[in-house]
Structures are given as C-alpha cells and as structure tokens.
C-alpha cells in the first residue's frame, strides 16, 4: 500500500517538474540572449574558463535531449540548443557545463 503511494507521488513530482521545465523552455527559447552567442559558444567559453578544454561539444538529435557523458567527456547539445541564440539555449548549455565541472571536481551526488 505505502509502496504504491510512494510510486504515485514520485511519478506526480516527475510530471510536475517536466511541465515546469517545458513551459520555461518554451517561454525563453523566444528571447535572444544579449550577446547573441549560440549554445555551443556559451558552452565552449564556460568549459575553457574552467580548464576543460579537452571536453568536446557535439550536436545531437532530439528536443531537450542535452546531456553530459562523463565516461566520454562529451557534452551533447540538441540542434536547437547547439545553434540557438536564445536565453534558453544559453541556459541549457551552461547547465550541461555545470555537470562537467562537477565531474572534474569529483562531486558525486
């Protein structure tokens, strides 16, 4: 009984989080960042400033399929993030760089 309730709560929280992310992304993908930097350029600048010059940034298919692969030391940005100059593109690229920095610093959680 309690197990079912916990699963239901977990699924509900996951759904709410996904809705919030999707809504925010949809809103800010229409707003250009002031420097008009692409997601790729934002990511490269952040990585270089953190001495992570060896991490590659690749374009990948999908929508919000962006991720950092710690085993291959690769950041994969979806096409709209990789080429986009919106606040959303810059934010998602910066977020993925944060994972690479955490990996470099040995942050486990």
C-alpha atoms as a PDB file:
ATOM      1  CA  UNK A   1       0.000   0.000   0.000  1.00  0.00           C
ATOM      2  CA  UNK A   2       2.652   2.521   1.035  1.00  0.00           C
ATOM      3  CA  UNK A   3       4.825   1.429  -1.874  1.00  0.00           C
ATOM      4  CA  UNK A   4       2.050   2.306  -4.343  1.00  0.00           C
ATOM      5  CA  UNK A   5       1.559   5.711  -2.751  1.00  0.00           C
ATOM      6  CA  UNK A   6       5.282   6.463  -2.929  1.00  0.00           C
ATOM      7  CA  UNK A   7       5.403   5.471  -6.611  1.00  0.00           C
ATOM      8  CA  UNK A   8       2.371   7.669  -7.327  1.00  0.00           C
ATOM      9  CA  UNK A   9       3.946  10.638  -5.525  1.00  0.00           C
ATOM     10  CA  UNK A  10       7.253  10.123  -7.357  1.00  0.00           C
ATOM     11  CA  UNK A  11       5.527   9.974 -10.735  1.00  0.00           C
ATOM     12  CA  UNK A  12       3.485  13.061  -9.898  1.00  0.00           C
ATOM     13  CA  UNK A  13       6.550  15.058  -8.894  1.00  0.00           C
ATOM     14  CA  UNK A  14       8.380  13.971 -12.053  1.00  0.00           C
ATOM     15  CA  UNK A  15       5.443  15.059 -14.197  1.00  0.00           C
ATOM     16  CA  UNK A  16       5.219  18.446 -12.477  1.00  0.00           C
ATOM     17  CA  UNK A  17       8.977  19.006 -12.924  1.00  0.00           C
ATOM     18  CA  UNK A  18       8.758  18.112 -16.620  1.00  0.00           C
ATOM     19  CA  UNK A  19       5.872  20.534 -17.127  1.00  0.00           C
ATOM     20  CA  UNK A  20       7.773  23.355 -15.425  1.00  0.00           C
ATOM     21  CA  UNK A  21      10.923  22.734 -17.492  1.00  0.00           C
ATOM     22  CA  UNK A  22       8.983  22.512 -20.762  1.00  0.00           C
ATOM     23  CA  UNK A  23       6.979  25.666 -20.017  1.00  0.00           C
ATOM     24  CA  UNK A  24      10.077  27.669 -19.087  1.00  0.00           C
ATOM     25  CA  UNK A  25      11.975  26.411 -22.118  1.00  0.00           C
ATOM     26  CA  UNK A  26       9.105  27.321 -24.460  1.00  0.00           C
ATOM     27  CA  UNK A  27       8.945  30.821 -22.999  1.00  0.00           C
ATOM     28  CA  UNK A  28      12.662  31.611 -23.112  1.00  0.00           C
ATOM     29  CA  UNK A  29      13.513  29.997 -26.444  1.00  0.00           C
ATOM     30  CA  UNK A  30      11.819  33.046 -27.987  1.00  0.00           C
ATOM     31  CA  UNK A  31      14.046  35.557 -26.151  1.00  0.00           C
ATOM     32  CA  UNK A  32      17.509  36.220 -27.628  1.00  0.00           C
ATOM     33  CA  UNK A  33      20.471  36.463 -25.282  1.00  0.00           C
ATOM     34  CA  UNK A  34      22.091  39.912 -25.312  1.00  0.00           C
ATOM     35  CA  UNK A  35      25.424  38.670 -26.719  1.00  0.00           C
ATOM     36  CA  UNK A  36      23.726  36.549 -29.409  1.00  0.00           C
ATOM     37  CA  UNK A  37      26.007  33.638 -28.530  1.00  0.00           C
ATOM     38  CA  UNK A  38      24.966  30.158 -29.622  1.00  0.00           C
ATOM     39  CA  UNK A  39      24.611  27.378 -27.095  1.00  0.00           C
ATOM     40  CA  UNK A  40      27.842  25.913 -28.489  1.00  0.00           C
ATOM     41  CA  UNK A  41      29.706  29.209 -27.940  1.00  0.00           C
ATOM     42  CA  UNK A  42      28.372  29.567 -24.391  1.00  0.00           C
ATOM     43  CA  UNK A  43      29.405  26.014 -23.546  1.00  0.00           C
ATOM     44  CA  UNK A  44      32.873  26.402 -25.062  1.00  0.00           C
ATOM     45  CA  UNK A  45      33.520  29.636 -23.126  1.00  0.00           C
ATOM     46  CA  UNK A  46      32.438  28.082 -19.821  1.00  0.00           C
ATOM     47  CA  UNK A  47      34.476  24.928 -20.368  1.00  0.00           C
ATOM     48  CA  UNK A  48      37.583  26.868 -21.428  1.00  0.00           C
ATOM     49  CA  UNK A  49      37.362  29.171 -18.387  1.00  0.00           C
ATOM     50  CA  UNK A  50      37.271  26.082 -16.183  1.00  0.00           C
ATOM     51  CA  UNK A  51      40.269  24.402 -17.835  1.00  0.00           C
ATOM     52  CA  UNK A  52      38.089  21.778 -19.501  1.00  0.00           C
ATOM     53  CA  UNK A  53      39.487  22.307 -22.990  1.00  0.00           C
ATOM     54  CA  UNK A  54      39.531  18.537 -23.589  1.00  0.00           C
ATOM     55  CA  UNK A  55      35.745  18.194 -23.393  1.00  0.00           C
ATOM     56  CA  UNK A  56      34.089  18.013 -26.790  1.00  0.00           C
ATOM     57  CA  UNK A  57      30.719  19.580 -27.550  1.00  0.00           C
ATOM     58  CA  UNK A  58      28.647  17.665 -30.079  1.00  0.00           C
ATOM     59  CA  UNK A  59      25.304  18.275 -31.735  1.00  0.00           C
ATOM     60  CA  UNK A  60      22.681  15.590 -31.156  1.00  0.00           C
ATOM     61  CA  UNK A  61      19.137  14.937 -32.309  1.00  0.00           C
ATOM     62  CA  UNK A  62      16.053  15.346 -30.179  1.00  0.00           C
ATOM     63  CA  UNK A  63      14.335  18.015 -28.166  1.00  0.00           C
ATOM     64  CA  UNK A  64      15.800  18.743 -24.752  1.00  0.00           C
ATOM     65  CA  UNK A  65      17.941  15.625 -25.124  1.00  0.00           C
ATOM     66  CA  UNK A  66      21.016  17.545 -23.973  1.00  0.00           C
ATOM     67  CA  UNK A  67      23.380  15.797 -21.588  1.00  0.00           C
ATOM     68  CA  UNK A  68      26.934  15.405 -20.346  1.00  0.00           C
ATOM     69  CA  UNK A  69      28.542  11.988 -20.795  1.00  0.00           C
ATOM     70  CA  UNK A  70      31.173  11.670 -18.037  1.00  0.00           C
ATOM     71  CA  UNK A  71      32.608   8.426 -19.411  1.00  0.00           C
ATOM     72  CA  UNK A  72      33.405  10.001 -22.788  1.00  0.00           C
ATOM     73  CA  UNK A  73      33.900  13.579 -21.546  1.00  0.00           C
ATOM     74  CA  UNK A  74      31.407  14.891 -24.114  1.00  0.00           C
ATOM     75  CA  UNK A  75      28.594  17.408 -23.883  1.00  0.00           C
ATOM     76  CA  UNK A  76      25.804  16.686 -26.337  1.00  0.00           C
ATOM     77  CA  UNK A  77      23.515  19.581 -27.210  1.00  0.00           C
ATOM     78  CA  UNK A  78      20.336  19.162 -29.241  1.00  0.00           C
ATOM     79  CA  UNK A  79      20.283  21.031 -32.548  1.00  0.00           C
ATOM     80  CA  UNK A  80      18.146  23.919 -31.317  1.00  0.00           C
ATOM     81  CA  UNK A  81      20.396  24.425 -28.282  1.00  0.00           C
ATOM     82  CA  UNK A  82      23.666  23.961 -30.204  1.00  0.00           C
ATOM     83  CA  UNK A  83      22.799  26.600 -32.834  1.00  0.00           C
ATOM     84  CA  UNK A  84      20.275  28.672 -30.893  1.00  0.00           C
ATOM     85  CA  UNK A  85      20.971  32.168 -29.578  1.00  0.00           C
ATOM     86  CA  UNK A  86      18.115  32.306 -27.095  1.00  0.00           C
ATOM     87  CA  UNK A  87      18.294  32.602 -23.336  1.00  0.00           C
ATOM     88  CA  UNK A  88      17.037  29.013 -23.194  1.00  0.00           C
ATOM     89  CA  UNK A  89      19.880  27.796 -25.430  1.00  0.00           C
ATOM     90  CA  UNK A  90      22.489  29.562 -23.305  1.00  0.00           C
ATOM     91  CA  UNK A  91      20.925  28.276 -20.079  1.00  0.00           C
ATOM     92  CA  UNK A  92      20.728  24.647 -21.157  1.00  0.00           C
ATOM     93  CA  UNK A  93      24.311  24.750 -22.475  1.00  0.00           C
ATOM     94  CA  UNK A  94      25.516  26.300 -19.203  1.00  0.00           C
ATOM     95  CA  UNK A  95      23.615  23.669 -17.210  1.00  0.00           C
ATOM     96  CA  UNK A  96      25.355  20.840 -19.046  1.00  0.00           C
ATOM     97  CA  UNK A  97      28.725  22.516 -18.471  1.00  0.00           C
ATOM     98  CA  UNK A  98      27.874  22.532 -14.778  1.00  0.00           C
ATOM     99  CA  UNK A  99      27.764  18.740 -14.867  1.00  0.00           C
ATOM    100  CA  UNK A 100      31.207  18.642 -16.500  1.00  0.00           C
ATOM    101  CA  UNK A 101      32.583  20.960 -13.803  1.00  0.00           C
ATOM    102  CA  UNK A 102      31.034  18.771 -11.098  1.00  0.00           C
ATOM    103  CA  UNK A 103      32.679  15.751 -12.706  1.00  0.00           C
ATOM    104  CA  UNK A 104      36.061  17.494 -12.747  1.00  0.00           C
ATOM    105  CA  UNK A 105      35.674  18.431  -9.060  1.00  0.00           C
ATOM    106  CA  UNK A 106      34.687  14.885  -8.096  1.00  0.00           C
ATOM    107  CA  UNK A 107      31.177  15.861  -6.978  1.00  0.00           C
ATOM    108  CA  UNK A 108      29.288  12.576  -6.611  1.00  0.00           C
ATOM    109  CA  UNK A 109      25.595  13.298  -5.814  1.00  0.00           C
END
